[in-house]
Protein backbone atom coordinates (compact mmCIF):
# COMPACT_ATOMS: atom_id res chain seq x y z
CA MET A 1 -19.04 7.43 9.86
CA LYS A 2 -19.54 4.79 12.47
CA ALA A 3 -18.56 5.35 16.07
CA ILE A 4 -17.18 2.53 18.22
CA THR A 5 -16.03 2.04 21.91
CA LEU A 6 -13.33 0.11 23.01
CA ARG A 7 -13.46 -1.68 26.28
CA ASN A 8 -10.94 -3.18 28.48
CA LEU A 9 -8.07 -1.69 26.40
CA PRO A 10 -4.83 -3.31 27.75
CA PRO A 11 -2.81 -0.55 29.49
CA GLU A 12 0.32 -1.60 27.40
CA LEU A 13 -1.71 -1.22 24.05
CA ALA A 14 -3.22 2.07 25.37
CA LYS A 15 0.42 3.39 25.87
CA THR A 16 1.88 2.34 22.59
CA ILE A 17 -1.24 4.13 20.87
CA ARG A 18 -0.73 7.20 22.82
CA ARG A 19 2.86 7.25 21.99
CA LYS A 20 2.11 6.83 18.34
CA ALA A 21 -0.21 9.55 18.51
CA GLN A 22 2.26 11.73 20.03
CA GLU A 23 4.95 10.81 17.36
CA ARG A 24 2.45 11.65 14.55
CA GLY A 25 1.21 14.78 16.39
CA THR A 26 -2.60 13.46 16.18
CA SER A 27 -5.07 12.52 18.59
CA PHE A 28 -5.49 9.21 20.28
CA ASN A 29 -8.57 8.47 18.15
CA LYS A 30 -6.76 9.47 15.01
CA ALA A 31 -3.78 7.29 15.78
CA VAL A 32 -6.41 4.35 16.37
CA ILE A 33 -7.94 4.83 13.04
CA ASN A 34 -4.50 5.04 11.29
CA LEU A 35 -3.20 2.00 13.04
CA LEU A 36 -6.53 0.05 11.98
CA GLU A 37 -6.00 1.35 8.37
CA GLU A 38 -2.52 0.25 8.41
CA GLY A 39 -3.38 -3.24 9.85
CA THR A 40 -5.89 -3.86 7.33
CA GLY A 41 -3.93 -2.68 4.26
CA ILE A 42 -5.94 0.12 3.62
CA ARG A 43 -3.13 2.74 4.32
CA ASP A 44 0.61 2.01 3.50
CA LYS A 45 2.65 1.70 6.38
CA LYS A 46 5.86 3.11 4.78
CA ASN A 47 4.52 6.30 3.52
CA GLY A 48 1.16 6.71 4.80
CA LYS A 49 -0.74 6.95 1.82
CA LYS A 50 -3.80 5.22 1.19
CA SER A 51 -3.44 2.07 -0.76
CA LEU A 52 -5.51 1.92 -3.86
CA HIS A 53 -4.64 -1.44 -5.04
CA HIS A 54 -3.37 -4.17 -2.62
CA ASP A 55 -5.64 -7.09 -3.66
CA LEU A 56 -3.02 -8.66 -6.07
CA ASP A 57 0.04 -7.75 -3.81
CA SER A 58 0.52 -11.47 -2.88
CA LEU A 59 0.94 -12.42 -6.82
CA ALA A 60 3.75 -9.96 -7.43
CA GLY A 61 7.05 -11.85 -8.00
CA SER A 62 5.37 -15.23 -7.59
CA TRP A 63 6.01 -16.38 -11.30
CA THR A 64 9.03 -18.13 -12.25
CA LYS A 65 11.40 -16.79 -15.09
CA GLU A 66 9.87 -19.46 -17.42
CA GLU A 67 6.51 -18.51 -16.62
CA ALA A 68 7.00 -14.91 -17.08
CA GLU A 69 8.52 -15.61 -20.52
CA GLU A 70 5.54 -17.59 -21.45
CA PHE A 71 3.29 -14.82 -20.48
CA ASP A 72 5.50 -12.25 -22.50
CA LYS A 73 5.23 -14.57 -25.52
CA SER A 74 1.28 -15.02 -25.31
CA LEU A 75 1.02 -11.18 -25.36
CA ALA A 76 3.40 -10.58 -27.99
CA SER A 77 0.57 -11.00 -30.77
CA GLN A 78 -1.46 -8.57 -28.88
CA ARG A 79 1.37 -6.04 -29.10
CA THR A 80 1.58 -5.95 -32.70
CA ILE A 81 -0.03 -3.07 -34.51
CA ASP A 82 -2.17 -3.94 -37.35
CA LEU A 83 -1.37 -1.21 -40.08
CA ASP A 84 -4.44 -1.80 -42.15
CA LEU A 85 -6.86 -1.02 -39.23
CA TRP A 86 -5.03 2.38 -38.98
CA ARG A 87 -5.51 3.41 -42.39
């Protein structure tokens, strides 16, 4: 794991990070890591778990109702079971 040094950390930022560390019962260093993970989307802010799949989040809910129906129609033939293949 890489180590970094932060210089000229603004006092208000340091105070906020220290408060977060106390709230979470972690070290200052761990609080910085958690905040960086949350800020970059690696860790979910709500439940604190690491996000496994976050690259398509911006697409969720972006289709219109018509587009979703058209997509479902396109998949319908793929969802049909060919009984001859299962004999």
